[in-house]
N, C-alpha and C. Protein backbone atom coordinates (compact mmCIF):
# COMPACT_ATOMS: atom_id res chain seq x y z
N MET A 1 -4.62 -21.07 -7.38
CA MET A 1 -4.87 -20.62 -6.87
C MET A 1 -3.75 -19.56 -6.85
N LYS A 2 -3.97 -18.19 -7.21
CA LYS A 2 -2.34 -17.07 -6.47
C LYS A 2 -2.81 -16.58 -5.34
N LYS A 3 -1.29 -16.32 -5.36
CA LYS A 3 -0.80 -15.94 -3.25
C LYS A 3 -0.34 -14.14 -4.20
N PHE A 4 -0.29 -13.43 -2.72
CA PHE A 4 -0.82 -11.97 -2.62
C PHE A 4 -0.14 -12.25 -1.18
N ALA A 5 1.15 -10.93 -0.97
CA ALA A 5 1.66 -10.92 -0.48
C ALA A 5 1.12 -9.25 -0.51
N ILE A 6 0.97 -8.87 0.74
CA ILE A 6 0.41 -7.73 1.31
C ILE A 6 1.26 -7.22 2.61
N ILE A 7 1.80 -5.85 1.69
CA ILE A 7 2.96 -5.42 2.58
C ILE A 7 1.72 -4.32 3.92
N LEU A 8 2.15 -4.55 5.05
CA LEU A 8 1.98 -3.84 6.10
C LEU A 8 2.00 -2.22 6.78
N ALA A 9 1.48 -1.89 6.91
CA ALA A 9 1.87 -0.46 8.12
C ALA A 9 1.94 -0.41 9.64
N GLY A 10 1.88 -0.89 10.16
CA GLY A 10 1.21 -0.78 11.68
C GLY A 10 -0.10 -0.51 11.50
N SER A 11 -1.29 -0.79 12.58
CA SER A 11 -2.55 -0.59 12.56
C SER A 11 -3.25 0.66 13.02
N GLY A 12 -4.23 0.94 11.78
CA GLY A 12 -4.76 2.21 12.45
C GLY A 12 -4.35 4.08 11.56
N VAL A 13 -5.31 4.14 10.58
CA VAL A 13 -4.80 5.11 9.42
C VAL A 13 -3.72 6.32 10.19
N TYR A 14 -4.09 6.79 11.43
CA TYR A 14 -3.38 7.60 11.39
C TYR A 14 -1.66 7.78 11.76
N ASP A 15 -1.29 6.58 12.18
CA ASP A 15 0.15 5.99 12.32
C ASP A 15 0.47 4.40 10.90
N GLY A 16 -0.41 4.13 11.12
CA GLY A 16 -0.52 2.68 10.53
C GLY A 16 -1.15 2.19 9.74
N ALA A 17 -1.30 1.06 8.69
CA ALA A 17 -1.90 0.88 7.63
C ALA A 17 -3.49 1.25 8.29
N GLU A 18 -4.39 1.48 7.22
CA GLU A 18 -5.26 1.94 7.43
C GLU A 18 -6.28 0.54 6.91
N ILE A 19 -7.31 0.76 8.32
CA ILE A 19 -7.39 -0.45 8.36
C ILE A 19 -8.17 -1.31 7.68
N HIS A 20 -9.94 -0.28 7.33
CA HIS A 20 -10.30 -1.12 5.77
C HIS A 20 -9.70 -1.33 4.61
N GLU A 21 -9.17 -0.28 4.43
CA GLU A 21 -8.07 -0.91 2.98
C GLU A 21 -7.61 -2.50 3.35
N ALA A 22 -7.23 -2.76 4.64
CA ALA A 22 -6.09 -3.74 4.60
C ALA A 22 -7.16 -4.78 4.41
N THR A 23 -8.20 -4.81 5.75
CA THR A 23 -9.08 -6.02 5.74
C THR A 23 -10.31 -6.07 4.38
N LEU A 24 -9.99 -4.87 3.49
CA LEU A 24 -11.03 -4.73 2.46
C LEU A 24 -10.62 -6.25 1.29
N SER A 25 -9.01 -5.74 1.54
CA SER A 25 -8.06 -6.37 0.36
C SER A 25 -8.21 -7.76 0.60
N MET A 26 -8.30 -8.39 1.76
CA MET A 26 -7.92 -9.53 2.44
C MET A 26 -9.55 -9.88 1.80
N LEU A 27 -10.44 -9.50 2.03
CA LEU A 27 -11.67 -10.27 1.25
C LEU A 27 -12.23 -10.17 0.27
N ALA A 28 -11.53 -9.28 -0.56
CA ALA A 28 -11.22 -9.28 -1.48
C ALA A 28 -10.20 -10.52 -2.77
N ILE A 29 -9.39 -10.61 -1.67
CA ILE A 29 -8.05 -11.44 -3.04
C ILE A 29 -8.97 -13.08 -1.86
N MET A 30 -9.35 -13.33 -0.78
CA MET A 30 -10.14 -14.41 -0.88
C MET A 30 -11.67 -14.96 -1.70
N ALA A 31 -12.10 -13.54 -1.81
CA ALA A 31 -13.48 -13.64 -2.31
C ALA A 31 -12.76 -13.58 -4.02
N GLN A 32 -11.90 -13.82 -4.52
CA GLN A 32 -11.79 -14.95 -5.74
C GLN A 32 -10.93 -15.88 -6.00
N GLY A 33 -11.02 -16.41 -4.41
CA GLY A 33 -10.43 -17.84 -5.31
C GLY A 33 -8.47 -17.62 -4.73
N CYS A 34 -8.27 -16.75 -4.11
CA CYS A 34 -6.44 -16.52 -4.11
C CYS A 34 -6.27 -16.68 -2.19
N SER A 35 -5.01 -16.18 -2.59
CA SER A 35 -4.77 -16.26 -0.51
C SER A 35 -3.83 -14.90 -0.44
N TYR A 36 -3.36 -15.28 0.10
CA TYR A 36 -2.19 -14.11 1.29
C TYR A 36 -1.52 -13.83 2.37
N GLN A 37 -0.73 -13.29 1.70
CA GLN A 37 0.22 -13.67 3.60
C GLN A 37 0.44 -12.37 3.42
N CYS A 38 0.47 -11.67 4.51
CA CYS A 38 1.23 -10.26 5.16
C CYS A 38 2.71 -10.72 5.76
N PHE A 39 3.09 -9.06 5.21
CA PHE A 39 4.22 -8.70 5.97
C PHE A 39 4.37 -7.00 6.20
N ALA A 40 5.23 -7.18 7.15
CA ALA A 40 5.60 -5.81 7.45
C ALA A 40 7.27 -5.79 8.48
N PRO A 41 7.51 -4.85 8.01
CA PRO A 41 9.36 -4.24 9.17
C PRO A 41 9.40 -4.71 10.38
N ASP A 42 10.32 -5.12 10.90
CA ASP A 42 10.36 -4.70 11.94
C ASP A 42 11.38 -3.55 12.64
N ILE A 43 10.27 -2.52 12.83
CA ILE A 43 10.77 -1.40 12.64
C ILE A 43 10.48 -0.51 14.27
N LYS A 44 10.72 0.00 15.08
CA LYS A 44 10.68 1.44 15.52
C LYS A 44 8.92 2.45 14.47
N GLN A 45 7.53 2.05 15.48
CA GLN A 45 6.80 3.22 14.53
C GLN A 45 7.08 4.78 14.69
N HIS A 46 6.70 5.52 13.59
CA HIS A 46 7.40 7.34 13.52
C HIS A 46 6.83 7.81 14.87
N HIS A 47 5.62 7.56 15.39
CA HIS A 47 4.90 7.89 16.21
C HIS A 47 3.75 7.18 16.73
N VAL A 48 2.95 7.58 17.98
CA VAL A 48 1.67 6.45 18.21
C VAL A 48 0.58 7.72 18.48
N ILE A 49 -0.52 7.54 17.59
CA ILE A 49 -1.22 8.84 17.63
C ILE A 49 -2.84 7.80 17.91
N ASN A 50 -3.19 8.63 19.61
CA ASN A 50 -4.66 8.48 20.04
C ASN A 50 -5.57 8.43 18.79
N HIS A 51 -6.00 7.91 18.23
CA HIS A 51 -7.08 7.87 16.68
C HIS A 51 -8.50 8.18 17.27
N LEU A 52 -8.60 8.78 18.85
CA LEU A 52 -9.87 8.91 19.28
C LEU A 52 -10.24 11.04 19.20
N SER A 53 -8.88 10.60 19.77
CA SER A 53 -8.94 12.51 20.19
C SER A 53 -8.33 13.37 19.58
N GLY A 54 -7.22 12.39 18.61
CA GLY A 54 -5.88 13.40 16.77
C GLY A 54 -4.69 13.42 17.45
N GLU A 55 -4.44 13.80 18.63
CA GLU A 55 -3.54 13.57 19.42
C GLU A 55 -2.16 13.01 19.31
N GLU A 56 -0.83 13.39 19.32
CA GLU A 56 0.25 12.05 20.07
C GLU A 56 0.30 12.06 20.90
N MET A 57 1.05 10.37 21.22
CA MET A 57 0.83 9.80 22.63
C MET A 57 2.39 9.35 22.85
N ASP A 58 2.77 9.81 24.08
CA ASP A 58 3.80 9.45 24.52
C ASP A 58 4.29 8.20 24.87
N GLU A 59 4.51 6.99 23.85
CA GLU A 59 4.77 5.72 23.43
C GLU A 59 5.54 5.36 22.15
N ASN A 60 6.11 4.00 22.63
CA ASN A 60 6.88 3.48 21.39
C ASN A 60 5.72 2.41 21.16
N ARG A 61 5.56 1.81 19.88
CA ARG A 61 5.42 0.73 19.33
C ARG A 61 5.96 0.28 17.95
N ASN A 62 5.55 -0.90 17.81
CA ASN A 62 6.49 -1.44 16.73
C ASN A 62 5.60 -2.25 15.07
N VAL A 63 6.48 -1.74 14.08
CA VAL A 63 5.25 -1.38 13.08
C VAL A 63 5.22 -2.81 12.77
N LEU A 64 5.51 -3.64 13.02
CA LEU A 64 5.63 -5.70 12.91
C LEU A 64 4.37 -5.64 13.88
N VAL A 65 4.89 -5.58 15.08
CA VAL A 65 3.99 -5.95 16.24
C VAL A 65 2.00 -5.61 16.37
N GLU A 66 2.54 -4.09 15.96
CA GLU A 66 0.83 -3.17 15.66
C GLU A 66 0.38 -4.25 14.29
N SER A 67 1.29 -4.30 13.17
CA SER A 67 0.60 -5.21 11.99
C SER A 67 -0.01 -6.04 12.04
N ALA A 68 0.29 -7.28 13.36
CA ALA A 68 -0.30 -8.75 13.10
C ALA A 68 -2.00 -8.29 13.97
N ARG A 69 -1.56 -6.81 14.78
CA ARG A 69 -3.37 -7.10 15.37
C ARG A 69 -4.41 -7.12 13.84
N ILE A 70 -3.87 -6.15 12.95
CA ILE A 70 -4.96 -6.44 11.61
C ILE A 70 -4.46 -8.26 10.86
N ALA A 71 -3.38 -8.45 11.11
CA ALA A 71 -3.23 -10.04 10.38
C ALA A 71 -3.86 -11.49 11.47
N ARG A 72 -4.00 -10.89 12.71
CA ARG A 72 -4.50 -11.86 13.54
C ARG A 72 -3.15 -12.66 13.58
N GLY A 73 -2.41 -12.37 13.88
CA GLY A 73 -1.14 -12.40 14.37
C GLY A 73 -0.21 -13.57 13.14
N ASN A 74 -0.83 -13.69 12.11
CA ASN A 74 -0.02 -14.45 10.33
C ASN A 74 0.51 -13.10 9.66
N VAL A 75 1.45 -12.59 10.35
CA VAL A 75 1.66 -11.72 10.35
C VAL A 75 3.54 -12.05 9.82
N LYS A 76 4.04 -11.96 8.69
CA LYS A 76 6.09 -12.39 8.58
C LYS A 76 6.68 -11.00 8.62
N ASN A 77 8.11 -11.26 9.64
CA ASN A 77 8.81 -9.85 9.05
C ASN A 77 9.03 -9.61 7.29
N ILE A 78 9.23 -8.72 7.01
CA ILE A 78 9.41 -8.75 5.56
C ILE A 78 11.01 -8.71 4.97
N THR A 79 12.21 -9.07 5.89
CA THR A 79 12.65 -10.11 5.68
C THR A 79 12.70 -10.87 5.02
N GLU A 80 11.78 -11.77 5.43
CA GLU A 80 11.34 -13.07 4.66
C GLU A 80 10.79 -13.27 3.64
N PHE A 81 10.37 -11.98 2.79
CA PHE A 81 9.44 -11.88 1.87
C PHE A 81 10.78 -12.37 0.63
N LYS A 82 10.26 -13.07 -0.17
CA LYS A 82 10.76 -13.36 -1.65
C LYS A 82 10.05 -13.31 -2.50
N ALA A 83 10.50 -12.52 -3.69
CA ALA A 83 9.10 -12.60 -4.86
C ALA A 83 9.25 -13.96 -5.47
N THR A 84 9.86 -14.73 -5.35
CA THR A 84 9.46 -16.46 -6.38
C THR A 84 8.42 -17.04 -5.56
N ASP A 85 8.26 -16.50 -4.12
CA ASP A 85 6.78 -17.41 -3.33
C ASP A 85 5.40 -16.77 -3.95
N PHE A 86 5.12 -15.89 -4.72
CA PHE A 86 4.20 -15.10 -4.66
C PHE A 86 4.29 -14.31 -5.90
N ASP A 87 2.56 -14.00 -6.41
CA ASP A 87 2.44 -13.81 -7.84
C ASP A 87 2.22 -11.95 -7.84
N VAL A 88 1.39 -11.85 -6.86
CA VAL A 88 0.83 -10.19 -6.52
C VAL A 88 1.74 -9.93 -5.47
N LEU A 89 1.90 -8.24 -5.58
CA LEU A 89 1.97 -7.52 -4.63
C LEU A 89 1.68 -6.07 -4.18
N LEU A 90 0.61 -6.43 -3.11
CA LEU A 90 -0.55 -5.61 -2.81
C LEU A 90 -0.20 -4.36 -1.65
N MET A 91 -0.54 -3.29 -1.54
CA MET A 91 0.03 -2.79 -0.72
C MET A 91 -1.26 -1.28 -0.24
N PRO A 92 -1.56 -2.06 1.16
CA PRO A 92 -3.14 -1.10 1.26
C PRO A 92 -2.00 0.38 1.92
N GLY A 93 -3.29 1.40 2.02
CA GLY A 93 -2.67 3.18 2.83
C GLY A 93 -2.72 2.95 4.05
N GLY A 94 -2.80 4.39 4.46
CA GLY A 94 -3.07 5.16 6.01
C GLY A 94 -1.52 5.56 5.70
N PHE A 95 -1.46 6.65 6.77
CA PHE A 95 -1.00 7.21 6.96
C PHE A 95 0.74 6.73 7.25
N GLY A 96 0.66 4.93 7.79
CA GLY A 96 1.23 4.75 8.22
C GLY A 96 3.04 4.43 7.28
N VAL A 97 2.32 3.97 5.83
CA VAL A 97 3.12 4.11 5.16
C VAL A 97 4.00 5.22 4.54
N ALA A 98 3.18 7.02 4.70
CA ALA A 98 3.96 7.46 4.54
C ALA A 98 5.08 8.54 5.57
N LYS A 99 4.65 7.25 6.73
CA LYS A 99 5.82 8.34 7.93
C LYS A 99 6.40 6.52 8.77
N ASN A 100 5.96 5.44 8.20
CA ASN A 100 6.89 4.37 8.98
C ASN A 100 7.20 3.65 7.66
N LEU A 101 6.78 3.19 6.59
CA LEU A 101 7.01 2.94 5.19
C LEU A 101 8.43 3.89 4.08
N CYS A 102 7.79 4.76 4.37
CA CYS A 102 8.94 5.85 3.77
C CYS A 102 8.63 7.02 5.18
N ASP A 103 9.70 8.57 4.03
CA ASP A 103 8.88 9.32 5.31
C ASP A 103 8.35 10.83 3.90
N PHE A 104 7.90 9.80 2.90
CA PHE A 104 7.41 10.75 2.81
C PHE A 104 6.39 12.01 2.81
N ALA A 105 5.38 11.93 4.71
CA ALA A 105 4.58 12.88 4.95
C ALA A 105 5.38 13.71 5.36
N PHE A 106 6.89 14.00 5.55
CA PHE A 106 7.62 14.89 5.88
C PHE A 106 8.49 15.71 5.08
N LYS A 107 9.04 14.79 4.13
CA LYS A 107 10.19 15.17 2.88
C LYS A 107 9.61 14.83 1.68
N GLY A 108 7.84 14.68 1.07
CA GLY A 108 7.46 14.35 -0.03
C GLY A 108 8.00 13.94 -1.30
N ALA A 109 8.57 14.69 -2.25
CA ALA A 109 9.44 13.98 -3.39
C ALA A 109 10.82 13.65 -2.73
N ASN A 110 11.10 14.04 -1.73
CA ASN A 110 12.96 13.86 -1.30
C ASN A 110 12.63 12.96 -0.86
N CYS A 111 11.79 12.02 0.17
CA CYS A 111 11.39 11.00 0.75
C CYS A 111 12.82 9.90 0.24
N GLU A 112 12.67 9.14 1.40
CA GLU A 112 13.41 7.74 1.26
C GLU A 112 12.47 6.53 2.04
N VAL A 113 12.65 5.71 1.18
CA VAL A 113 11.49 3.98 1.11
C VAL A 113 12.78 2.84 1.92
N ASN A 114 11.61 3.02 2.74
CA ASN A 114 12.56 1.95 3.71
C ASN A 114 13.40 0.57 2.76
N ALA A 115 14.60 0.45 3.35
CA ALA A 115 15.46 -0.57 2.46
C ALA A 115 14.42 -1.37 2.11
N GLU A 116 14.12 -2.41 2.61
CA GLU A 116 13.33 -4.28 3.16
C GLU A 116 11.91 -3.74 1.95
N VAL A 117 10.96 -2.09 1.84
CA VAL A 117 10.03 -2.46 1.37
C VAL A 117 10.35 -2.41 -0.44
N ALA A 118 11.47 -1.26 -0.18
CA ALA A 118 12.41 -0.67 -2.00
C ALA A 118 12.79 -2.35 -2.31
N ARG A 119 13.29 -3.18 -1.56
CA ARG A 119 13.72 -4.44 -2.08
C ARG A 119 12.37 -5.49 -2.40
N VAL A 120 11.78 -5.31 -1.79
CA VAL A 120 10.59 -6.37 -1.97
C VAL A 120 9.44 -6.03 -3.21
N ILE A 121 9.34 -4.23 -4.05
CA ILE A 121 8.98 -3.50 -5.11
C ILE A 121 10.03 -3.77 -6.26
N LYS A 122 11.03 -3.73 -5.65
CA LYS A 122 12.01 -3.79 -6.59
C LYS A 122 11.79 -5.54 -7.49
N GLN A 123 11.56 -6.37 -6.29
CA GLN A 123 11.95 -7.75 -7.31
C GLN A 123 11.00 -8.03 -7.81
N MET A 124 9.55 -7.48 -6.66
CA MET A 124 8.70 -8.02 -7.60
C MET A 124 8.50 -7.22 -9.39
N HIS A 125 8.66 -6.01 -9.57
CA HIS A 125 9.05 -5.70 -10.70
C HIS A 125 9.89 -5.96 -11.67
N GLN A 126 11.39 -6.18 -11.28
CA GLN A 126 12.04 -7.02 -11.83
C GLN A 126 11.50 -8.45 -13.03
N ALA A 127 10.37 -9.32 -11.50
CA ALA A 127 9.90 -10.22 -11.83
C ALA A 127 8.78 -10.94 -12.68
N LYS A 128 8.67 -9.38 -13.22
CA LYS A 128 7.28 -8.66 -14.12
C LYS A 128 5.98 -9.07 -13.43
N LYS A 129 5.69 -8.98 -12.54
CA LYS A 129 4.65 -9.74 -10.96
C LYS A 129 4.19 -8.23 -11.47
N PRO A 130 2.53 -8.51 -10.83
CA PRO A 130 1.80 -7.27 -10.83
C PRO A 130 1.86 -6.32 -9.43
N ILE A 131 1.96 -5.31 -9.40
CA ILE A 131 2.26 -4.92 -8.05
C ILE A 131 0.72 -3.38 -8.11
N GLY A 132 0.01 -4.17 -7.13
CA GLY A 132 -1.12 -3.08 -7.13
C GLY A 132 -0.67 -2.18 -5.56
N ALA A 133 -1.52 -0.93 -6.03
CA ALA A 133 -0.80 0.38 -4.04
C ALA A 133 -2.85 0.41 -4.19
N LEU A 134 -2.47 0.87 -2.96
CA LEU A 134 -4.14 1.84 -2.91
C LEU A 134 -4.04 2.95 -2.57
N CYS A 135 -4.36 3.86 -2.08
CA CYS A 135 -4.39 4.99 -1.76
C CYS A 135 -3.31 5.37 -1.35
N ILE A 136 -2.80 6.44 -0.53
CA ILE A 136 -1.33 7.34 -0.10
C ILE A 136 0.03 5.85 -0.71
N SER A 137 0.19 4.80 -0.63
CA SER A 137 0.77 3.88 -0.89
C SER A 137 1.71 3.85 -2.13
N PRO A 138 1.05 4.67 -3.27
CA PRO A 138 1.59 5.11 -4.77
C PRO A 138 2.70 5.40 -4.50
N VAL A 139 2.59 6.08 -3.33
CA VAL A 139 4.19 7.10 -4.08
C VAL A 139 4.76 6.79 -3.25
N VAL A 140 4.99 5.62 -2.44
CA VAL A 140 6.34 4.41 -2.12
C VAL A 140 6.74 3.52 -3.29
N VAL A 141 5.96 3.10 -4.28
CA VAL A 141 6.24 2.73 -5.73
C VAL A 141 6.74 3.61 -6.79
N SER A 142 6.53 4.89 -6.97
CA SER A 142 6.42 6.53 -7.55
C SER A 142 7.95 6.56 -7.15
N LYS A 143 8.51 6.16 -5.98
CA LYS A 143 9.80 6.90 -5.53
C LYS A 143 10.92 5.98 -5.43
N VAL A 144 10.01 4.83 -6.01
CA VAL A 144 11.12 3.21 -5.82
C VAL A 144 10.97 2.92 -7.62
N LEU A 145 10.22 3.48 -8.57
CA LEU A 145 10.36 2.49 -9.69
C LEU A 145 10.23 3.97 -10.38
N GLY A 146 10.00 4.81 -9.96
CA GLY A 146 9.85 6.61 -11.32
C GLY A 146 9.58 6.33 -11.85
N ASP A 147 9.07 6.31 -13.15
CA ASP A 147 8.26 6.56 -14.33
C ASP A 147 7.44 5.59 -14.35
N VAL A 148 6.74 5.62 -13.53
CA VAL A 148 5.06 4.90 -13.59
C VAL A 148 4.07 5.75 -13.85
N LYS A 149 2.74 5.01 -14.11
CA LYS A 149 1.39 5.32 -14.34
C LYS A 149 0.54 4.89 -13.44
N LEU A 150 0.28 6.22 -13.00
CA LEU A 150 -0.40 5.74 -11.59
C LEU A 150 -1.57 6.82 -11.07
N THR A 151 -2.27 7.02 -9.75
CA THR A 151 -3.56 7.74 -9.76
C THR A 151 -3.35 7.94 -7.51
N LEU A 152 -3.44 9.25 -7.39
CA LEU A 152 -3.67 9.39 -6.10
C LEU A 152 -5.20 10.19 -6.14
N GLY A 153 -5.49 9.92 -6.19
CA GLY A 153 -7.13 10.61 -6.41
C GLY A 153 -7.12 12.01 -6.91
N GLN A 154 -7.32 12.89 -6.15
CA GLN A 154 -7.23 14.30 -6.85
C GLN A 154 -6.84 15.15 -5.94
N ASP A 155 -5.95 14.98 -5.16
CA ASP A 155 -4.78 15.18 -4.18
C ASP A 155 -3.73 15.95 -4.89
N GLN A 156 -4.20 17.33 -5.13
CA GLN A 156 -3.33 17.70 -5.98
C GLN A 156 -1.78 18.12 -5.69
N GLU A 157 -1.35 18.30 -3.84
CA GLU A 157 -0.18 18.35 -3.45
C GLU A 157 0.20 16.25 -3.58
N ALA A 158 0.14 16.22 -2.92
CA ALA A 158 0.84 14.44 -3.20
C ALA A 158 0.37 14.54 -5.08
N ILE A 159 -0.10 15.00 -5.77
CA ILE A 159 0.05 15.08 -7.55
C ILE A 159 1.99 15.41 -8.38
N ASP A 160 1.52 16.36 -7.29
CA ASP A 160 2.72 17.35 -7.80
C ASP A 160 4.01 16.35 -7.12
N ASN A 161 4.36 15.68 -6.21
CA ASN A 161 5.19 15.06 -5.06
C ASN A 161 5.80 13.77 -6.16
N VAL A 162 4.42 13.25 -6.82
CA VAL A 162 4.77 12.20 -7.48
C VAL A 162 5.43 12.31 -8.62
N GLU A 163 4.73 13.45 -9.75
CA GLU A 163 5.34 13.91 -10.88
C GLU A 163 6.18 14.64 -10.71
N LYS A 164 7.25 14.89 -9.29
CA LYS A 164 8.82 15.50 -9.07
C LYS A 164 9.61 14.31 -9.98
N MET A 165 8.81 12.87 -8.59
CA MET A 165 9.61 11.80 -8.92
C MET A 165 9.66 10.62 -10.11
N GLY A 166 8.81 11.78 -11.36
CA GLY A 166 9.30 11.05 -12.54
C GLY A 166 8.31 10.24 -12.99
N SER A 167 7.13 10.55 -12.18
CA SER A 167 5.58 9.30 -12.48
C SER A 167 4.36 10.16 -13.17
N ARG A 168 3.99 9.10 -13.70
CA ARG A 168 2.90 9.86 -14.68
C ARG A 168 1.37 9.89 -13.77
N HIS A 169 0.75 11.10 -13.33
CA HIS A 169 -0.99 10.88 -12.52
C HIS A 169 -2.01 11.16 -13.21
N ILE A 170 -2.65 10.01 -12.99
CA ILE A 170 -3.85 10.39 -13.46
C ILE A 170 -4.94 10.44 -12.41
N LYS A 171 -5.80 11.55 -12.38
CA LYS A 171 -6.50 12.04 -11.94
C LYS A 171 -7.59 10.86 -11.70
N THR A 172 -8.96 10.39 -10.51
CA THR A 172 -10.06 8.96 -10.96
C THR A 172 -10.51 10.17 -9.46
N ASN A 173 -11.51 8.80 -9.80
CA ASN A 173 -13.16 8.81 -8.78
C ASN A 173 -12.89 7.41 -7.80
N HIS A 174 -14.14 7.52 -7.33
CA HIS A 174 -14.29 6.00 -6.02
C HIS A 174 -14.55 4.41 -7.21
N GLY A 175 -12.92 3.93 -6.70
CA GLY A 175 -13.56 2.54 -7.17
C GLY A 175 -12.59 2.46 -8.75
N GLU A 176 -12.35 3.97 -8.88
CA GLU A 176 -11.76 3.86 -10.58
C GLU A 176 -10.44 3.06 -10.21
N VAL A 177 -9.58 2.17 -11.00
CA VAL A 177 -8.80 1.69 -10.95
C VAL A 177 -7.62 1.59 -12.44
N ILE A 178 -5.70 2.68 -12.00
CA ILE A 178 -5.57 2.66 -13.06
C ILE A 178 -4.39 1.96 -13.21
N VAL A 179 -4.07 1.50 -14.87
CA VAL A 179 -2.97 0.21 -14.78
C VAL A 179 -2.24 0.96 -15.59
N ASP A 180 -0.58 1.06 -15.10
CA ASP A 180 0.58 0.78 -16.27
C ASP A 180 1.16 -0.87 -16.54
N GLU A 181 0.24 -0.77 -17.91
CA GLU A 181 1.09 -1.81 -18.81
C GLU A 181 1.94 -2.89 -18.44
N LYS A 182 2.41 -1.86 -19.10
CA LYS A 182 4.24 -2.05 -19.02
C LYS A 182 4.95 -1.80 -18.10
N ASN A 183 4.83 -1.48 -16.69
CA ASN A 183 5.50 -1.83 -15.06
C ASN A 183 4.46 -2.78 -14.48
N LYS A 184 2.98 -3.22 -15.25
CA LYS A 184 2.60 -4.16 -14.51
C LYS A 184 1.97 -3.63 -12.78
N ILE A 185 1.75 -2.39 -13.10
CA ILE A 185 1.47 -1.17 -11.30
C ILE A 185 -0.05 -1.18 -11.58
N PHE A 186 -1.36 -1.39 -10.93
CA PHE A 186 -2.50 -1.52 -10.58
C PHE A 186 -2.67 -0.04 -9.77
N THR A 187 -3.09 1.22 -9.32
CA THR A 187 -3.59 1.87 -7.94
C THR A 187 -4.66 2.28 -8.23
N THR A 188 -6.09 2.26 -6.99
CA THR A 188 -7.22 2.81 -6.71
C THR A 188 -7.42 3.85 -5.81
N PRO A 189 -7.96 4.89 -5.98
CA PRO A 189 -7.50 6.02 -4.46
C PRO A 189 -7.80 5.80 -3.43
N CYS A 190 -9.31 5.10 -3.26
CA CYS A 190 -9.64 4.68 -1.38
C CYS A 190 -9.68 6.01 -0.75
N TYR A 191 -9.49 6.27 0.17
CA TYR A 191 -9.52 7.06 1.44
C TYR A 191 -8.63 8.10 1.00
N MET A 192 -7.59 8.69 -0.36
CA MET A 192 -7.16 9.74 -0.58
C MET A 192 -8.55 10.15 -1.18
N LEU A 193 -9.49 10.10 -1.15
CA LEU A 193 -11.14 10.67 -1.65
C LEU A 193 -11.42 10.82 -0.52
N ASP A 194 -12.86 11.28 -0.16
CA ASP A 194 -13.52 11.51 1.21
C ASP A 194 -14.78 10.22 0.31
N ALA A 195 -14.64 8.87 1.29
CA ALA A 195 -14.78 8.20 1.04
C ALA A 195 -15.63 7.52 1.93
N ASN A 196 -15.96 6.37 1.86
CA ASN A 196 -17.26 5.56 2.82
C ASN A 196 -16.87 4.01 2.65
N ILE A 197 -16.96 2.80 4.00
CA ILE A 197 -16.46 2.02 3.98
C ILE A 197 -17.10 1.06 2.15
N LEU A 198 -18.28 1.49 1.77
CA LEU A 198 -19.15 0.58 0.81
C LEU A 198 -18.00 1.17 -0.73
N GLU A 199 -17.25 2.38 -0.99
CA GLU A 199 -16.74 2.77 -1.91
C GLU A 199 -15.55 2.76 -1.67
N ILE A 200 -14.59 2.03 -0.27
CA ILE A 200 -13.66 1.62 0.13
C ILE A 200 -13.87 -0.25 -0.34
N ASN A 201 -14.61 -0.60 -0.62
CA ASN A 201 -14.32 -1.98 -0.92
C ASN A 201 -14.85 -2.21 -2.58
N ASP A 202 -15.68 -1.00 -3.32
CA ASP A 202 -15.29 -0.67 -4.30
C ASP A 202 -14.08 -1.00 -5.39
N GLY A 203 -13.12 -0.09 -4.75
CA GLY A 203 -11.61 -0.09 -4.88
C GLY A 203 -11.43 -1.28 -4.75
N THR A 204 -11.10 -1.58 -3.75
CA THR A 204 -10.12 -3.18 -2.94
C THR A 204 -10.71 -4.31 -4.28
N THR A 205 -12.14 -4.69 -4.27
CA THR A 205 -12.37 -5.35 -4.74
C THR A 205 -12.28 -5.42 -6.36
N ASN A 206 -12.34 -3.72 -6.93
CA ASN A 206 -11.87 -3.75 -8.60
C ASN A 206 -10.54 -3.72 -9.17
N ILE A 207 -9.60 -2.97 -8.17
CA ILE A 207 -8.20 -3.64 -7.89
C ILE A 207 -7.95 -4.79 -8.22
N VAL A 208 -7.89 -5.84 -7.26
CA VAL A 208 -7.85 -7.20 -6.98
C VAL A 208 -8.50 -7.74 -8.19
N LYS A 209 -9.24 -7.63 -8.85
CA LYS A 209 -10.15 -8.14 -9.74
C LYS A 209 -9.68 -7.38 -11.14
N ALA A 210 -9.13 -6.21 -11.30
CA ALA A 210 -8.29 -5.57 -12.62
C ALA A 210 -6.77 -6.73 -12.11
N ILE A 211 -5.54 -7.01 -11.27
CA ILE A 211 -4.96 -7.74 -10.91
C ILE A 211 -4.57 -8.97 -11.84
N LEU A 212 -6.18 -9.50 -11.35
CA LEU A 212 -6.46 -11.02 -12.06
C LEU A 212 -6.37 -11.26 -13.08
N GLU A 213 -7.33 -10.29 -13.00
CA GLU A 213 -7.44 -10.00 -15.39
C GLU A 213 -6.53 -10.40 -16.07
N SER A 214 -5.07 -9.45 -15.25
CA SER A 214 -3.79 -9.43 -16.37
C SER A 214 -3.25 -10.55 -15.95
N LEU A 215 -3.53 -11.26 -14.95
CA LEU A 215 -3.17 -13.09 -15.31
C LEU A 215 -3.27 -13.89 -15.46
N GLU A 216 -4.26 -14.03 -16.59
CA GLU A 216 -5.15 -14.41 -17.22
C GLU A 216 -4.64 -15.27 -18.41
């Protein structure tokens, strides 16, 4: 049974982890007979968005605490992560990735990545273990590793930014997975495209299957 580590960025598309991408990733992992453990940084969320109105709210939340909503409480502080304990790293998207795990939403190619998130990515890469990134999360992998092949769908502004970071971008449509065989990086666009939940399910299923096929 292969073990996946999932990094969450909070709870909710506009200020945390994208819930459909996160939960359907968990489903895809379990459907393939594998297991997962969620992780998140114990840090203050950048801001809180009212997901009904889209307006910013005057309150503070914690990324680890909010991630526990998706993980049903079974989430660990990312400081506890050890690459030796897992076969695969998987990162769902959501604006929280670009606001909490890094500041790509504000600084683009000049962004900085949370130190613990960067550590996890570097450890898995050095161990030559697969890293999967959905939606906007490939920007974090790009910033940490630089010269990798990936996809962000067809968003030209995001594409320009990762290319400035030294990565090579491949445009994709729903459910397609780009594989960087050299670096063992797997990416799929999900909600970077105008998608519905069925198309997100295709993306999460396909990326998990592609990762597991590479481990055979």
